[in-house]
Amino acid sequence: MENKGSDEVETLKTKFVSVWHNVKYSWALKSKTSFSRNSPVLLLGKCYHFKVEDDDGVPEASNEDCVMGNAEAFRKDFASRVWLTYREELPPLPCSTLTSDCGWGCTLRAGQMMLAQALLLHFLGRDWTWSEAMTLQPLDTETWTAAAARRLVASLHGSPRPPSGPGSPPAQQTRGSAEEADAHLTEMHHRTLVSWFGDGPSAQLGLHRLVHAGLTMGKRAGDWYGPAVVAHILKKAVEEATDPGLAAITAYVSQDCTVYSGDVIDSHSRAPRDRQAERPDAPPPDAPPPDAAPRAVIILIPVRLGGEKTNPDYFNFTKSILSLECCIGIIGGKPQQACYFVGFQDDSLIYMDPHYCQSFVDVSSSDFPLQSFHCPSPKKMPFSKMDPSCTIGFYSRSAQDYERISQELSKVLQPSAAREKYPAFTLMRGRVGDYDPSAGVTPVRREWPFIRDPRRTTTTTTTGDFVLL
């Protein structure tokens, strides 16, 4: 009887928590976001202008519906980004009885969104937009509560999806014109990419895999994950992915706010994992076969842009970074509340918010609903509220592409380096091993990149959740 009573208490507790999550997180994105029609909007390297030729003198739009110009193109672009949020009713997470990440998984979700953007660039390109992006309904409690999501999932019946990645050929050739075939293939890539982030143990880059990777770093389901820790978790998840479609992609995490170009180029040069596995006599990674295709590299740079608060001197730097098309966004947010920064307008960041509770979606079906993985409503936040701990991401397709990216980053970093003693991060030639003290080489040592806030009389040494690696 005692065990039965205990089980009933746990069941009631679980139901209460589920109801509370729906109440708390179902309203998070309901309000509309205002945009100025007189200022450009930058979204992951693309610029949009909402100003009209015959200006009526109104300086700002009162809400989304009043934005003009090519606002529709901006909305479609934003809604095409993959949106990953809190979910409930999940299979139990590794080494845990938790079946939801509500209240603690926002940084992991922000990391997933950054990773998804890198994969969109890799497989579909920056100009791709989802054909159904403009059909998304405004977010409210009736649209995406757990009950509504369950009804939507239950209404769709499909055969199991074949376990093939975007790098694999389609199972059947689509009949019709070349344009239709291309559209069909693109949609397959899109759907398969989203399925990699499903909330189940088998999803290549899903929450379960990320939590499992975090266990080796001392993190468990329910813990707070900082942007730097998530960068290393993402790297581990990408490297351990087994889907052939992900074999030609790897990740690199900078050390001590320094990107070593030689290490990035080496990552590009290594043969894809599946190719090495198929050849027992294959040479080591440093000597790939002549016909080996280069791997794309996702570059992750954990940084801290100030002490207790983000230093205003880094605001323009952040704008410059988000203006680059190679940028895949920033894992950041407010203190203890992570989000995914994708752009800006004037003095406000534009972001995607993971703090929205949705129900589990089974991505193993061939026609699972995609709507809950795309967000129609951008949010804005003043730069002044940005937490200083963040991870900046870039996508590099090849060694040649990295050379171009490093040149662009050098231009962005140079003004900061000239004006301030410490840039947010640095680029260095060679490899991290070239600066090994045991080899008799003295590295160019940088102190921790805090810059003095002119409004404070002392320099803070608060490190928050940032990890020195």
Protein backbone atom coordinates (compact mmCIF):
# COMPACT_ATOMS: atom_id res chain seq x y z
CA MET A 1 0.00 0.00 0.00
CA GLU A 2 2.87 2.31 0.82
CA ASN A 3 4.40 1.91 -2.66
CA LYS A 4 1.01 2.44 -4.30
CA GLY A 5 0.50 5.67 -2.37
CA SER A 6 3.99 6.85 -3.33
CA ASP A 7 3.34 6.09 -7.01
CA GLU A 8 0.07 8.05 -6.91
CA VAL A 9 1.85 11.03 -5.39
CA GLU A 10 4.52 10.92 -8.11
CA THR A 11 1.84 10.63 -10.80
CA LEU A 12 -0.06 13.62 -9.43
CA LYS A 13 3.19 15.56 -9.17
CA THR A 14 4.05 14.79 -12.79
CA LYS A 15 0.59 15.86 -13.96
CA PHE A 16 0.80 19.08 -11.95
CA VAL A 17 4.22 19.93 -13.38
CA SER A 18 2.94 19.24 -16.92
CA VAL A 19 -0.06 21.52 -16.43
CA TRP A 20 2.16 24.21 -14.91
CA HIS A 21 4.55 24.04 -17.87
CA ASN A 22 1.67 24.49 -20.31
CA VAL A 23 0.40 27.51 -18.40
CA LYS A 24 3.84 29.05 -17.93
CA TYR A 25 5.38 28.45 -21.35
CA SER A 26 2.37 28.53 -23.69
CA TRP A 27 2.11 32.32 -23.42
CA ALA A 28 5.79 33.08 -23.87
CA LEU A 29 5.61 34.06 -27.55
CA LYS A 30 2.07 35.35 -27.87
CA SER A 31 2.82 39.09 -27.93
CA LYS A 32 3.76 40.74 -31.22
CA THR A 33 7.13 42.32 -31.86
CA SER A 34 7.52 45.89 -33.12
CA PHE A 35 9.95 46.76 -35.90
CA SER A 36 11.01 50.19 -37.12
CA ARG A 37 10.37 50.84 -40.81
CA ASN A 38 13.25 53.34 -40.97
CA SER A 39 16.09 51.00 -40.01
CA PRO A 40 17.50 47.93 -41.77
CA VAL A 41 17.04 44.50 -40.21
CA LEU A 42 19.93 42.00 -40.31
CA LEU A 43 19.13 38.30 -40.15
CA LEU A 44 22.08 35.89 -40.27
CA GLY A 45 23.95 37.91 -42.87
CA LYS A 46 20.95 39.04 -44.91
CA CYS A 47 19.74 42.64 -44.84
CA TYR A 48 16.09 43.66 -45.09
CA HIS A 49 14.63 47.16 -45.46
CA PHE A 50 11.06 47.87 -44.40
CA LYS A 51 11.02 51.54 -45.43
CA VAL A 52 8.62 52.55 -48.23
CA GLU A 53 9.24 55.18 -50.90
CA ASP A 54 6.33 57.44 -49.91
CA ASP A 55 7.01 57.72 -46.20
CA ASP A 56 4.06 59.06 -44.24
CA GLY A 57 6.23 60.41 -41.48
CA VAL A 58 5.48 57.70 -38.94
CA PRO A 59 8.89 56.77 -37.45
CA GLU A 60 7.98 53.35 -36.12
CA ALA A 61 5.45 50.62 -36.78
CA SER A 62 3.16 49.87 -33.87
CA ASN A 63 3.27 46.11 -34.50
CA GLU A 64 4.27 43.44 -37.00
CA ASP A 65 1.28 44.04 -39.28
CA CYS A 66 2.38 47.64 -40.01
CA VAL A 67 5.87 46.76 -41.20
CA MET A 68 6.30 47.50 -44.89
CA GLY A 69 8.87 47.10 -47.65
CA ASN A 70 10.13 43.54 -48.04
CA ALA A 71 8.86 42.56 -44.62
CA GLU A 72 7.29 39.47 -46.18
CA ALA A 73 10.70 38.24 -47.32
CA PHE A 74 12.05 38.77 -43.82
CA ARG A 75 9.16 36.89 -42.25
CA LYS A 76 9.59 33.99 -44.64
CA ASP A 77 13.33 33.85 -44.01
CA PHE A 78 12.88 33.94 -40.23
CA ALA A 79 10.08 31.36 -40.22
CA SER A 80 12.23 29.02 -42.32
CA ARG A 81 14.87 28.73 -39.59
CA VAL A 82 14.51 25.58 -37.48
CA TRP A 83 12.93 26.35 -34.10
CA LEU A 84 13.55 23.96 -31.20
CA THR A 85 11.79 24.46 -27.89
CA TYR A 86 10.94 22.83 -24.61
CA ARG A 87 9.03 19.58 -25.06
CA GLU A 88 7.05 17.37 -22.71
CA GLU A 89 6.01 13.70 -22.70
CA LEU A 90 9.46 12.64 -23.95
CA PRO A 91 10.99 9.22 -23.48
CA PRO A 92 13.00 9.35 -20.21
CA LEU A 93 16.28 11.18 -20.63
CA PRO A 94 19.60 9.32 -20.06
CA CYS A 95 20.33 8.47 -16.39
CA SER A 96 17.15 10.28 -15.39
CA THR A 97 13.42 9.89 -14.95
CA LEU A 98 12.78 13.33 -16.48
CA THR A 99 10.43 13.36 -19.46
CA SER A 100 10.65 17.10 -20.17
CA ASP A 101 13.37 19.75 -20.44
CA CYS A 102 11.11 22.60 -19.32
CA GLY A 103 12.93 25.00 -17.03
CA TRP A 104 16.48 23.76 -17.64
CA GLY A 105 17.12 22.79 -21.29
CA CYS A 106 16.99 26.21 -22.97
CA THR A 107 20.76 26.43 -23.65
CA LEU A 108 20.75 22.97 -25.21
CA ARG A 109 17.80 24.01 -27.39
CA ALA A 110 19.61 27.20 -28.43
CA GLY A 111 22.63 25.07 -29.33
CA GLN A 112 20.44 22.76 -31.39
CA MET A 113 19.03 25.74 -33.30
CA MET A 114 22.54 26.99 -34.09
CA LEU A 115 23.54 23.52 -35.26
CA ALA A 116 20.38 23.27 -37.37
CA GLN A 117 21.26 26.55 -39.09
CA ALA A 118 24.70 25.19 -39.96
CA LEU A 119 23.10 22.11 -41.50
CA LEU A 120 20.62 24.25 -43.46
CA LEU A 121 23.59 26.12 -44.94
CA HIS A 122 25.38 22.86 -45.68
CA PHE A 123 22.52 21.02 -47.41
CA LEU A 124 20.17 23.74 -48.68
CA GLY A 125 22.13 27.01 -48.77
CA ARG A 126 21.42 30.42 -47.27
CA ASP A 127 18.84 31.38 -49.89
CA TRP A 128 16.57 28.43 -49.09
CA THR A 129 13.18 29.15 -47.55
CA TRP A 130 10.43 26.75 -46.57
CA SER A 131 7.53 26.82 -49.01
CA GLU A 132 5.00 26.68 -46.17
CA ALA A 133 6.68 29.27 -43.96
CA MET A 134 4.03 31.93 -44.60
CA THR A 135 1.19 29.56 -43.69
CA LEU A 136 2.24 29.29 -40.04
CA GLN A 137 -0.43 30.48 -37.66
CA PRO A 138 0.30 33.02 -34.90
CA LEU A 139 1.40 31.40 -31.69
CA ASP A 140 -1.16 31.17 -28.94
CA THR A 141 -2.36 28.71 -26.33
CA GLU A 142 -4.95 27.20 -28.65
CA THR A 143 -2.51 26.54 -31.47
CA TRP A 144 0.37 24.74 -29.80
CA THR A 145 -0.73 23.48 -26.42
CA ALA A 146 -0.02 19.84 -25.76
CA ALA A 147 -3.61 18.78 -26.47
CA ALA A 148 -3.67 20.53 -29.86
CA ALA A 149 -0.27 19.09 -30.80
CA ARG A 150 -1.44 15.59 -29.89
CA ARG A 151 -4.55 15.97 -32.03
CA LEU A 152 -2.43 17.12 -34.96
CA VAL A 153 0.02 14.23 -34.62
CA ALA A 154 -2.83 11.71 -34.23
CA SER A 155 -4.50 13.00 -37.40
CA LEU A 156 -1.45 12.18 -39.53
CA HIS A 157 -0.79 8.59 -40.53
CA GLY A 158 2.26 7.66 -42.57
CA SER A 159 4.64 4.81 -43.23
CA PRO A 160 8.00 4.69 -41.41
CA ARG A 161 10.57 7.10 -42.78
CA PRO A 162 13.57 5.40 -44.38
CA PRO A 163 16.74 5.99 -42.32
CA SER A 164 18.53 8.09 -44.90
CA GLY A 165 20.17 11.49 -44.48
CA PRO A 166 20.25 14.44 -46.83
CA GLY A 167 23.46 12.98 -48.24
CA SER A 168 21.63 9.85 -49.39
CA PRO A 169 19.67 9.52 -52.65
CA PRO A 170 15.85 9.42 -52.45
CA ALA A 171 14.24 5.98 -52.29
CA GLN A 172 12.01 6.74 -55.27
CA GLN A 173 12.38 9.09 -58.18
CA THR A 174 9.71 11.75 -58.26
CA ARG A 175 7.77 11.92 -61.50
CA GLY A 176 7.16 15.22 -63.22
CA SER A 177 9.34 18.14 -64.16
CA ALA A 178 12.89 18.72 -63.02
CA GLU A 179 11.64 21.56 -60.82
CA GLU A 180 9.21 19.24 -59.06
CA ALA A 181 11.89 16.63 -58.55
CA ASP A 182 14.24 19.25 -57.14
CA ALA A 183 11.53 20.58 -54.82
CA HIS A 184 10.78 17.05 -53.64
CA LEU A 185 14.45 16.36 -52.91
CA THR A 186 14.79 19.67 -51.07
CA GLU A 187 11.76 18.87 -48.94
CA MET A 188 13.26 15.46 -48.12
CA HIS A 189 16.45 17.17 -46.97
CA HIS A 190 14.46 19.62 -44.88
CA ARG A 191 12.36 16.94 -43.23
CA THR A 192 15.30 14.61 -42.57
CA LEU A 193 17.32 17.48 -41.12
CA VAL A 194 14.51 18.30 -38.68
CA SER A 195 14.20 14.62 -37.74
CA TRP A 196 17.82 14.60 -36.58
CA PHE A 197 16.72 16.92 -33.77
CA GLY A 198 13.80 14.76 -32.67
CA ASP A 199 13.27 14.08 -29.00
CA GLY A 200 14.07 10.40 -28.84
CA PRO A 201 17.15 8.26 -28.10
CA SER A 202 17.68 7.44 -31.80
CA ALA A 203 17.67 11.06 -33.05
CA GLN A 204 21.20 11.88 -34.20
CA LEU A 205 21.33 15.36 -32.64
CA GLY A 206 18.33 15.16 -30.34
CA LEU A 207 18.10 16.15 -26.70
CA HIS A 208 18.78 12.59 -25.54
CA ARG A 209 22.10 12.47 -27.41
CA LEU A 210 23.12 15.89 -26.07
CA VAL A 211 22.29 14.95 -22.50
CA HIS A 212 24.25 11.71 -22.91
CA ALA A 213 27.25 13.66 -24.24
CA GLY A 214 26.99 16.03 -21.29
CA LEU A 215 27.33 13.19 -18.81
CA THR A 216 31.03 12.92 -19.66
CA MET A 217 31.40 16.60 -18.74
CA GLY A 218 29.70 16.29 -15.39
CA LYS A 219 26.31 17.55 -16.54
CA ARG A 220 23.04 15.70 -16.01
CA ALA A 221 19.48 16.19 -17.18
CA GLY A 222 17.98 18.96 -15.08
CA ASP A 223 21.29 20.82 -14.62
CA TRP A 224 22.04 24.27 -15.99
CA TYR A 225 24.16 24.12 -19.15
CA GLY A 226 26.30 27.15 -20.02
CA PRO A 227 27.07 28.27 -23.60
CA ALA A 228 30.68 27.03 -23.42
CA VAL A 229 29.73 23.58 -22.17
CA VAL A 230 27.05 23.32 -24.87
CA ALA A 231 29.67 24.11 -27.53
CA HIS A 232 31.66 21.04 -26.49
CA ILE A 233 28.50 18.93 -26.24
CA LEU A 234 27.56 19.90 -29.81
CA LYS A 235 31.05 19.01 -31.03
CA LYS A 236 30.86 15.60 -29.40
CA ALA A 237 27.36 14.93 -30.75
CA VAL A 238 28.36 15.83 -34.33
CA GLU A 239 31.48 13.69 -34.17
CA GLU A 240 29.57 10.69 -32.79
CA ALA A 241 26.67 10.91 -35.24
CA THR A 242 26.27 7.71 -37.26
CA ASP A 243 23.96 8.87 -40.07
CA PRO A 244 25.84 8.87 -43.41
CA GLY A 245 24.41 12.32 -44.13
CA LEU A 246 26.44 13.76 -41.24
CA ALA A 247 29.70 12.00 -42.03
CA ALA A 248 31.13 14.92 -44.00
CA ILE A 249 30.59 17.46 -41.21
CA THR A 250 32.64 18.04 -38.09
CA ALA A 251 32.91 20.70 -35.40
CA TYR A 252 35.74 22.74 -33.91
CA VAL A 253 35.69 24.55 -30.55
CA SER A 254 38.17 27.36 -29.94
CA GLN A 255 40.48 27.34 -26.93
CA ASP A 256 40.95 30.32 -24.62
CA CYS A 257 39.05 32.57 -27.07
CA THR A 258 41.58 31.70 -29.79
CA VAL A 259 40.85 30.08 -33.16
CA TYR A 260 43.90 28.24 -34.49
CA SER A 261 43.62 28.31 -38.27
CA GLY A 262 45.83 25.28 -38.77
CA ASP A 263 43.54 23.14 -36.65
CA VAL A 264 40.47 24.31 -38.56
CA ILE A 265 42.11 23.55 -41.91
CA ASP A 266 43.17 20.13 -40.62
CA SER A 267 39.55 19.45 -39.70
CA HIS A 268 38.55 20.31 -43.27
CA SER A 269 41.20 18.00 -44.70
CA ARG A 270 40.31 14.86 -42.79
CA ALA A 271 38.42 12.22 -44.72
CA PRO A 272 34.75 11.69 -43.77
CA ARG A 273 34.27 9.24 -40.92
CA ASP A 274 32.32 6.67 -42.92
CA ARG A 275 34.98 6.52 -45.60
CA GLN A 276 37.69 5.76 -43.07
CA ALA A 277 35.50 3.14 -41.41
CA GLU A 278 34.94 1.38 -44.73
CA ARG A 279 38.68 1.11 -45.39
CA PRO A 280 40.59 -0.82 -42.70
CA ASP A 281 43.87 -0.02 -44.42
CA ALA A 282 43.06 3.69 -44.73
CA PRO A 283 45.85 6.10 -43.76
CA PRO A 284 45.53 8.14 -40.56
CA PRO A 285 43.42 11.33 -40.55
CA ASP A 286 46.43 13.55 -41.18
CA ALA A 287 46.99 11.82 -44.53
CA PRO A 288 43.60 11.46 -46.25
CA PRO A 289 43.30 9.59 -49.54
CA PRO A 290 43.70 11.77 -52.64
CA ASP A 291 40.04 11.43 -53.63
CA ALA A 292 38.69 12.29 -50.16
CA ALA A 293 36.16 15.09 -50.21
CA PRO A 294 36.81 17.76 -47.57
CA ARG A 295 34.62 17.95 -44.53
CA ALA A 296 32.66 21.07 -43.63
CA VAL A 297 33.51 22.53 -40.23
CA ILE A 298 31.17 24.15 -37.71
CA ILE A 299 33.32 26.64 -35.78
CA LEU A 300 32.17 27.33 -32.22
CA ILE A 301 33.77 30.13 -30.20
CA PRO A 302 32.81 30.48 -26.52
CA VAL A 303 33.45 34.05 -25.38
CA ARG A 304 32.60 36.40 -22.55
CA LEU A 305 31.77 39.96 -23.52
CA GLY A 306 32.29 41.66 -20.19
CA GLY A 307 32.03 41.10 -16.46
CA GLU A 308 28.67 40.95 -14.74
CA LYS A 309 27.05 42.62 -17.75
CA THR A 310 27.89 42.81 -21.44
CA ASN A 311 30.20 45.74 -22.01
CA PRO A 312 28.67 48.28 -24.44
CA ASP A 313 31.93 48.32 -26.41
CA TYR A 314 31.00 44.85 -27.70
CA PHE A 315 27.60 45.85 -29.12
CA ASN A 316 28.93 46.93 -32.52
CA PHE A 317 31.16 43.87 -32.63
CA THR A 318 28.11 41.65 -32.13
CA LYS A 319 26.28 43.48 -34.92
CA SER A 320 29.22 42.97 -37.27
CA ILE A 321 29.33 39.24 -36.50
CA LEU A 322 25.60 38.76 -37.12
CA SER A 323 25.97 40.65 -40.42
CA LEU A 324 28.22 37.92 -41.85
CA GLU A 325 26.52 35.28 -43.98
CA CYS A 326 28.90 32.63 -42.62
CA CYS A 327 27.61 33.33 -39.11
CA ILE A 328 25.17 30.72 -37.80
CA GLY A 329 24.09 32.83 -34.84
CA ILE A 330 24.93 33.13 -31.16
CA ILE A 331 23.99 30.95 -28.20
CA GLY A 332 23.27 33.58 -25.58
CA GLY A 333 20.37 35.20 -23.79
CA LYS A 334 19.56 36.91 -20.52
CA PRO A 335 21.15 35.72 -17.25
CA GLN A 336 19.97 32.13 -16.60
CA GLN A 337 17.62 32.30 -19.61
CA ALA A 338 19.18 31.20 -22.88
CA CYS A 339 18.01 31.97 -26.41
CA TYR A 340 19.34 31.90 -29.97
CA PHE A 341 20.39 35.29 -31.40
CA VAL A 342 19.94 35.48 -35.18
CA GLY A 343 19.99 39.20 -36.01
CA PHE A 344 19.39 42.75 -34.90
CA GLN A 345 17.73 46.06 -35.64
CA ASP A 346 19.14 49.27 -34.17
CA ASP A 347 19.94 48.57 -30.51
CA SER A 348 17.90 45.37 -30.21
CA LEU A 349 18.83 41.77 -30.85
CA ILE A 350 16.45 39.50 -32.75
CA TYR A 351 16.18 36.03 -31.33
CA MET A 352 14.37 32.69 -31.33
CA ASP A 353 12.99 31.69 -27.95
CA PRO A 354 13.09 28.07 -26.74
CA HIS A 355 10.93 28.88 -23.69
CA TYR A 356 7.74 27.49 -25.17
CA CYS A 357 6.37 24.13 -24.07
CA GLN A 358 5.24 21.83 -26.86
CA SER A 359 4.34 18.18 -26.93
CA PHE A 360 6.50 15.33 -28.15
CA VAL A 361 6.42 14.74 -31.90
CA ASP A 362 7.31 11.34 -33.32
CA VAL A 363 9.70 12.17 -36.16
CA SER A 364 10.00 8.54 -37.27
CA SER A 365 6.85 8.81 -39.38
CA SER A 366 7.27 9.88 -43.00
CA ASP A 367 4.84 12.80 -42.69
CA PHE A 368 5.32 14.11 -39.18
CA PRO A 369 4.06 17.71 -38.71
CA LEU A 370 6.75 20.32 -39.33
CA GLN A 371 4.80 23.33 -38.07
CA SER A 372 5.98 23.12 -34.46
CA PHE A 373 9.61 23.20 -35.64
CA HIS A 374 9.24 26.65 -37.23
CA CYS A 375 8.44 29.92 -35.49
CA PRO A 376 6.37 32.70 -37.13
CA SER A 377 7.08 35.27 -34.39
CA PRO A 378 10.52 36.84 -33.88
CA LYS A 379 11.35 38.42 -30.55
CA LYS A 380 13.57 41.40 -29.75
CA MET A 381 15.73 42.23 -26.76
CA PRO A 382 17.89 45.30 -26.01
CA PHE A 383 21.62 44.69 -26.28
CA SER A 384 21.93 46.00 -22.73
CA LYS A 385 20.10 42.92 -21.40
CA MET A 386 22.38 40.45 -23.17
CA ASP A 387 24.27 38.08 -20.84
CA PRO A 388 28.05 38.35 -21.41
CA SER A 389 28.52 34.55 -21.65
CA CYS A 390 27.81 33.28 -25.15
CA THR A 391 29.04 31.04 -27.95
CA ILE A 392 29.45 32.42 -31.46
CA GLY A 393 29.10 30.04 -34.41
CA PHE A 394 30.30 30.00 -38.02
CA TYR A 395 29.94 27.53 -40.88
CA SER A 396 32.89 26.84 -43.17
CA ARG A 397 32.37 24.59 -46.19
CA SER A 398 36.03 24.08 -47.14
CA ALA A 399 39.58 25.22 -46.42
CA GLN A 400 39.22 27.82 -49.17
CA ASP A 401 35.98 29.00 -47.60
CA TYR A 402 37.72 29.29 -44.22
CA GLU A 403 40.41 31.52 -45.71
CA ARG A 404 37.68 33.90 -46.86
CA ILE A 405 35.94 33.72 -43.48
CA SER A 406 39.17 34.42 -41.59
CA GLN A 407 39.73 37.51 -43.75
CA GLU A 408 36.21 38.74 -42.97
CA LEU A 409 36.68 38.08 -39.26
CA SER A 410 40.03 39.87 -39.26
CA LYS A 411 38.30 43.00 -40.54
CA VAL A 412 35.64 42.70 -37.83
CA LEU A 413 38.17 42.08 -35.06
CA GLN A 414 40.72 44.70 -36.11
CA PRO A 415 38.73 47.81 -35.11
CA SER A 416 37.98 46.20 -31.75
CA ALA A 417 41.63 45.30 -31.24
CA ALA A 418 42.75 48.82 -32.10
CA ARG A 419 40.20 50.49 -29.85
CA GLU A 420 40.37 48.08 -26.92
CA LYS A 421 43.12 46.04 -25.37
CA TYR A 422 41.16 42.79 -25.65
CA PRO A 423 39.11 41.68 -28.67
CA ALA A 424 36.33 39.16 -28.08
CA PHE A 425 38.47 36.44 -29.65
CA THR A 426 41.58 36.16 -31.80
CA LEU A 427 42.69 34.28 -34.90
CA MET A 428 46.13 32.69 -34.91
CA ARG A 429 48.11 30.89 -37.57
CA GLY A 430 49.25 27.36 -36.94
CA ARG A 431 47.90 24.80 -34.51
CA VAL A 432 47.40 24.78 -30.79
CA GLY A 433 50.19 22.18 -30.56
CA ASP A 434 52.62 24.70 -32.03
CA TYR A 435 52.30 26.69 -28.82
CA ASP A 436 52.91 23.80 -26.45
CA PRO A 437 55.26 25.05 -23.66
CA SER A 438 56.79 21.57 -23.36
CA ALA A 439 58.05 21.95 -26.93
CA GLY A 440 60.00 25.07 -26.00
CA VAL A 441 57.60 27.40 -27.81
CA THR A 442 56.24 30.30 -25.81
CA PRO A 443 52.65 31.14 -26.79
CA VAL A 444 51.35 34.65 -27.14
CA ARG A 445 49.54 34.73 -23.80
CA ARG A 446 46.41 36.84 -23.47
CA GLU A 447 44.84 37.74 -20.20
CA TRP A 448 41.15 37.03 -19.78
CA PRO A 449 39.30 39.34 -22.22
CA PHE A 450 37.42 41.53 -19.76
CA ILE A 451 37.45 45.19 -20.63
CA ARG A 452 36.74 47.82 -18.07
CA ASP A 453 33.21 49.14 -17.94
CA PRO A 454 33.52 52.95 -17.79
CA ARG A 455 30.55 53.04 -15.43
CA ARG A 456 32.38 50.95 -12.82
CA THR A 457 35.36 51.87 -10.69
CA THR A 458 36.68 48.32 -10.39
CA THR A 459 37.09 45.51 -12.85
CA THR A 460 34.98 42.49 -12.03
CA THR A 461 36.28 38.94 -12.31
CA THR A 462 32.92 37.19 -12.29
CA THR A 463 33.01 34.21 -14.65
CA GLY A 464 29.36 33.14 -14.35
CA ASP A 465 28.76 29.84 -16.12
CA PHE A 466 31.63 30.28 -18.55
CA VAL A 467 34.26 27.54 -18.50
CA LEU A 468 37.92 28.16 -19.25
CA LEU A 469 39.04 25.44 -21.63
